[in-house]
Amino acid sequence: MKIKKGFLLRKMAGESVVVGEAGKTFNGLIHLNDTGTFYWKLLGNETDKDKLLEAAAMEFENFDRGKGEKDLDAFLKTISVAIEE
């Protein structure tokens, strides 16, 4: 999976947000926390769920794979309009 063309990560008022092209399939903002921003940057290249979880386990102390996988699934659902499988 990777990010579709036309979706960009931007900083606005100190927060990370994803913006999409107006008039396309998405017209709005997606607010990301630090973990979401971390995953978003990894999605700039072709990757898969296992690679995302492995990277998170290396990046974050005390990473719990079970909770991490559940959180990643929720994140991918939230940004589904912006990624291609």
N, C-alpha and C. Protein backbone atom coordinates (compact mmCIF):
# COMPACT_ATOMS: atom_id res chain seq x y z
N MET A 1 0.84 -1.17 0.00
CA MET A 1 0.00 0.00 0.00
C MET A 1 0.89 1.23 0.00
N LYS A 2 0.32 2.32 -0.49
CA LYS A 2 1.04 3.59 -0.48
C LYS A 2 0.04 4.73 -0.62
N ILE A 3 0.53 5.95 -0.44
CA ILE A 3 -0.32 7.13 -0.53
C ILE A 3 -0.67 7.42 -1.99
N LYS A 4 -1.94 7.74 -2.23
CA LYS A 4 -2.38 8.12 -3.56
C LYS A 4 -1.85 9.51 -3.91
N LYS A 5 -1.68 9.76 -5.18
CA LYS A 5 -1.27 11.10 -5.63
C LYS A 5 -2.36 12.10 -5.24
N GLY A 6 -1.92 13.29 -4.91
CA GLY A 6 -2.87 14.35 -4.58
C GLY A 6 -3.12 14.52 -3.10
N PHE A 7 -2.50 13.67 -2.26
CA PHE A 7 -2.64 13.79 -0.82
C PHE A 7 -1.29 14.17 -0.23
N LEU A 8 -1.29 15.21 0.60
CA LEU A 8 -0.04 15.75 1.14
C LEU A 8 -0.12 15.93 2.64
N LEU A 9 1.01 15.73 3.30
CA LEU A 9 1.12 15.99 4.73
C LEU A 9 1.61 17.42 4.91
N ARG A 10 0.92 18.17 5.75
CA ARG A 10 1.29 19.56 6.01
C ARG A 10 1.23 19.83 7.51
N LYS A 11 1.96 20.83 7.95
CA LYS A 11 1.87 21.31 9.34
C LYS A 11 1.00 22.56 9.33
N MET A 12 -0.01 22.56 10.20
CA MET A 12 -0.89 23.71 10.34
C MET A 12 -1.08 23.96 11.83
N ALA A 13 -0.70 25.14 12.28
CA ALA A 13 -0.82 25.50 13.70
C ALA A 13 -0.17 24.45 14.60
N GLY A 14 0.98 23.93 14.16
CA GLY A 14 1.72 22.96 14.95
C GLY A 14 1.20 21.54 14.89
N GLU A 15 0.17 21.29 14.09
CA GLU A 15 -0.40 19.95 13.96
C GLU A 15 -0.15 19.40 12.58
N SER A 16 -0.01 18.07 12.50
CA SER A 16 0.13 17.41 11.20
C SER A 16 -1.26 17.13 10.64
N VAL A 17 -1.47 17.53 9.41
CA VAL A 17 -2.74 17.26 8.73
C VAL A 17 -2.47 16.77 7.32
N VAL A 18 -3.37 15.94 6.84
CA VAL A 18 -3.33 15.48 5.46
C VAL A 18 -4.38 16.27 4.70
N VAL A 19 -3.96 16.83 3.57
CA VAL A 19 -4.89 17.56 2.72
C VAL A 19 -4.99 16.83 1.39
N GLY A 20 -6.17 16.89 0.81
CA GLY A 20 -6.40 16.27 -0.49
C GLY A 20 -6.79 17.31 -1.51
N GLU A 21 -6.69 16.92 -2.77
CA GLU A 21 -7.07 17.83 -3.85
C GLU A 21 -8.57 18.13 -3.79
N ALA A 22 -8.92 19.38 -3.84
CA ALA A 22 -10.33 19.78 -3.83
C ALA A 22 -11.04 19.24 -5.06
N GLY A 23 -12.24 18.77 -4.88
CA GLY A 23 -13.04 18.31 -6.00
C GLY A 23 -12.77 16.88 -6.41
N LYS A 24 -11.79 16.22 -5.80
CA LYS A 24 -11.52 14.82 -6.10
C LYS A 24 -12.34 13.96 -5.14
N THR A 25 -11.85 12.79 -4.81
CA THR A 25 -12.61 11.89 -3.93
C THR A 25 -12.64 12.37 -2.48
N PHE A 26 -11.82 13.33 -2.14
CA PHE A 26 -11.73 13.81 -0.77
C PHE A 26 -11.54 15.31 -0.78
N ASN A 27 -12.27 16.00 0.05
CA ASN A 27 -12.13 17.45 0.15
C ASN A 27 -12.19 17.81 1.63
N GLY A 28 -11.04 17.80 2.27
CA GLY A 28 -11.02 18.10 3.68
C GLY A 28 -9.64 17.90 4.27
N LEU A 29 -9.61 17.70 5.58
CA LEU A 29 -8.37 17.50 6.31
C LEU A 29 -8.49 16.25 7.17
N ILE A 30 -7.36 15.56 7.33
CA ILE A 30 -7.28 14.46 8.28
C ILE A 30 -6.19 14.86 9.27
N HIS A 31 -6.55 14.98 10.54
CA HIS A 31 -5.59 15.35 11.59
C HIS A 31 -4.86 14.09 12.03
N LEU A 32 -3.53 14.18 12.14
CA LEU A 32 -2.72 13.03 12.56
C LEU A 32 -1.99 13.33 13.86
N ASN A 33 -1.94 12.32 14.73
CA ASN A 33 -1.09 12.44 15.92
C ASN A 33 0.33 12.04 15.52
N ASP A 34 1.24 11.97 16.49
CA ASP A 34 2.63 11.66 16.18
C ASP A 34 2.79 10.28 15.54
N THR A 35 2.05 9.31 16.04
CA THR A 35 2.15 7.96 15.47
C THR A 35 1.58 7.93 14.07
N GLY A 36 0.45 8.60 13.85
CA GLY A 36 -0.13 8.68 12.51
C GLY A 36 0.81 9.35 11.53
N THR A 37 1.49 10.39 11.98
CA THR A 37 2.46 11.08 11.13
C THR A 37 3.62 10.15 10.79
N PHE A 38 4.07 9.37 11.77
CA PHE A 38 5.13 8.39 11.55
C PHE A 38 4.71 7.39 10.46
N TYR A 39 3.51 6.82 10.61
CA TYR A 39 3.01 5.86 9.61
C TYR A 39 2.84 6.52 8.24
N TRP A 40 2.32 7.75 8.22
CA TRP A 40 2.09 8.45 6.95
C TRP A 40 3.39 8.58 6.17
N LYS A 41 4.44 8.96 6.86
CA LYS A 41 5.73 9.12 6.19
C LYS A 41 6.23 7.79 5.62
N LEU A 42 6.00 6.69 6.31
CA LEU A 42 6.38 5.37 5.81
C LEU A 42 5.55 4.98 4.58
N LEU A 43 4.32 5.47 4.53
CA LEU A 43 3.45 5.15 3.39
C LEU A 43 3.83 5.94 2.13
N GLY A 44 4.82 6.80 2.24
CA GLY A 44 5.33 7.50 1.06
C GLY A 44 5.97 6.55 0.07
N ASN A 45 6.40 5.40 0.55
CA ASN A 45 6.94 4.33 -0.28
C ASN A 45 6.04 3.11 -0.17
N GLU A 46 6.08 2.26 -1.13
CA GLU A 46 5.29 1.02 -1.11
C GLU A 46 5.66 0.23 0.15
N THR A 47 4.66 -0.18 0.91
CA THR A 47 4.90 -0.95 2.13
C THR A 47 3.69 -1.82 2.42
N ASP A 48 3.76 -2.57 3.49
CA ASP A 48 2.61 -3.37 3.91
C ASP A 48 2.44 -3.26 5.43
N LYS A 49 1.37 -3.82 5.92
CA LYS A 49 1.03 -3.69 7.33
C LYS A 49 2.14 -4.25 8.24
N ASP A 50 2.70 -5.40 7.89
CA ASP A 50 3.75 -6.00 8.71
C ASP A 50 4.97 -5.10 8.80
N LYS A 51 5.36 -4.48 7.69
CA LYS A 51 6.51 -3.58 7.70
C LYS A 51 6.24 -2.34 8.54
N LEU A 52 5.01 -1.84 8.50
CA LEU A 52 4.65 -0.69 9.33
C LEU A 52 4.76 -1.04 10.81
N LEU A 53 4.26 -2.23 11.18
CA LEU A 53 4.33 -2.65 12.58
C LEU A 53 5.76 -2.89 13.02
N GLU A 54 6.58 -3.46 12.16
CA GLU A 54 7.99 -3.68 12.49
C GLU A 54 8.70 -2.35 12.72
N ALA A 55 8.43 -1.37 11.86
CA ALA A 55 9.04 -0.05 12.01
C ALA A 55 8.60 0.61 13.31
N ALA A 56 7.31 0.48 13.65
CA ALA A 56 6.80 1.07 14.89
C ALA A 56 7.45 0.41 16.11
N ALA A 57 7.64 -0.91 16.05
CA ALA A 57 8.27 -1.62 17.16
C ALA A 57 9.70 -1.13 17.37
N MET A 58 10.38 -0.77 16.31
CA MET A 58 11.75 -0.26 16.41
C MET A 58 11.77 1.20 16.86
N GLU A 59 10.74 1.95 16.52
CA GLU A 59 10.70 3.40 16.80
C GLU A 59 10.22 3.73 18.22
N PHE A 60 9.23 3.00 18.69
CA PHE A 60 8.57 3.35 19.94
C PHE A 60 8.91 2.37 21.06
N GLU A 61 9.33 2.92 22.20
CA GLU A 61 9.62 2.09 23.37
C GLU A 61 8.35 1.42 23.86
N ASN A 62 8.48 0.24 24.41
CA ASN A 62 7.35 -0.50 24.99
C ASN A 62 6.21 -0.71 24.01
N PHE A 63 6.54 -0.89 22.74
CA PHE A 63 5.52 -1.11 21.71
C PHE A 63 4.84 -2.46 21.94
N ASP A 64 3.54 -2.45 22.03
CA ASP A 64 2.74 -3.67 22.21
C ASP A 64 2.15 -4.03 20.85
N ARG A 65 2.62 -5.14 20.28
CA ARG A 65 2.21 -5.50 18.90
C ARG A 65 0.69 -5.66 18.78
N GLY A 66 0.05 -6.28 19.74
CA GLY A 66 -1.40 -6.47 19.68
C GLY A 66 -2.15 -5.15 19.64
N LYS A 67 -1.82 -4.26 20.56
CA LYS A 67 -2.47 -2.94 20.58
C LYS A 67 -2.05 -2.14 19.36
N GLY A 68 -0.77 -2.25 18.98
CA GLY A 68 -0.28 -1.53 17.81
C GLY A 68 -1.01 -1.93 16.55
N GLU A 69 -1.27 -3.22 16.40
CA GLU A 69 -1.98 -3.70 15.21
C GLU A 69 -3.42 -3.18 15.18
N LYS A 70 -4.06 -3.17 16.34
CA LYS A 70 -5.43 -2.65 16.44
C LYS A 70 -5.45 -1.15 16.10
N ASP A 71 -4.49 -0.41 16.64
CA ASP A 71 -4.40 1.03 16.37
C ASP A 71 -4.08 1.29 14.90
N LEU A 72 -3.19 0.48 14.32
CA LEU A 72 -2.84 0.64 12.91
C LEU A 72 -4.06 0.38 12.03
N ASP A 73 -4.84 -0.64 12.34
CA ASP A 73 -6.06 -0.92 11.56
C ASP A 73 -7.00 0.29 11.60
N ALA A 74 -7.16 0.89 12.77
CA ALA A 74 -8.03 2.07 12.89
C ALA A 74 -7.47 3.22 12.07
N PHE A 75 -6.16 3.42 12.13
CA PHE A 75 -5.52 4.48 11.35
C PHE A 75 -5.72 4.27 9.85
N LEU A 76 -5.49 3.05 9.38
CA LEU A 76 -5.65 2.77 7.95
C LEU A 76 -7.10 2.96 7.50
N LYS A 77 -8.04 2.64 8.36
CA LYS A 77 -9.45 2.87 8.04
C LYS A 77 -9.73 4.37 7.92
N THR A 78 -9.16 5.15 8.84
CA THR A 78 -9.36 6.60 8.83
C THR A 78 -8.82 7.23 7.55
N ILE A 79 -7.67 6.76 7.09
CA ILE A 79 -7.03 7.38 5.92
C ILE A 79 -7.28 6.57 4.63
N SER A 80 -8.23 5.65 4.66
CA SER A 80 -8.44 4.75 3.51
C SER A 80 -8.66 5.50 2.19
N VAL A 81 -9.25 6.67 2.24
CA VAL A 81 -9.48 7.44 1.02
C VAL A 81 -8.15 7.89 0.39
N ALA A 82 -7.09 7.93 1.19
CA ALA A 82 -5.82 8.47 0.74
C ALA A 82 -4.76 7.42 0.39
N ILE A 83 -5.10 6.13 0.56
CA ILE A 83 -4.10 5.10 0.24
C ILE A 83 -4.63 4.12 -0.80
N GLU A 84 -3.69 3.56 -1.53
CA GLU A 84 -4.03 2.51 -2.48
C GLU A 84 -3.32 1.23 -2.04
N GLU A 85 -3.99 0.14 -2.22
CA GLU A 85 -3.43 -1.15 -1.79
C GLU A 85 -2.59 -1.77 -2.87
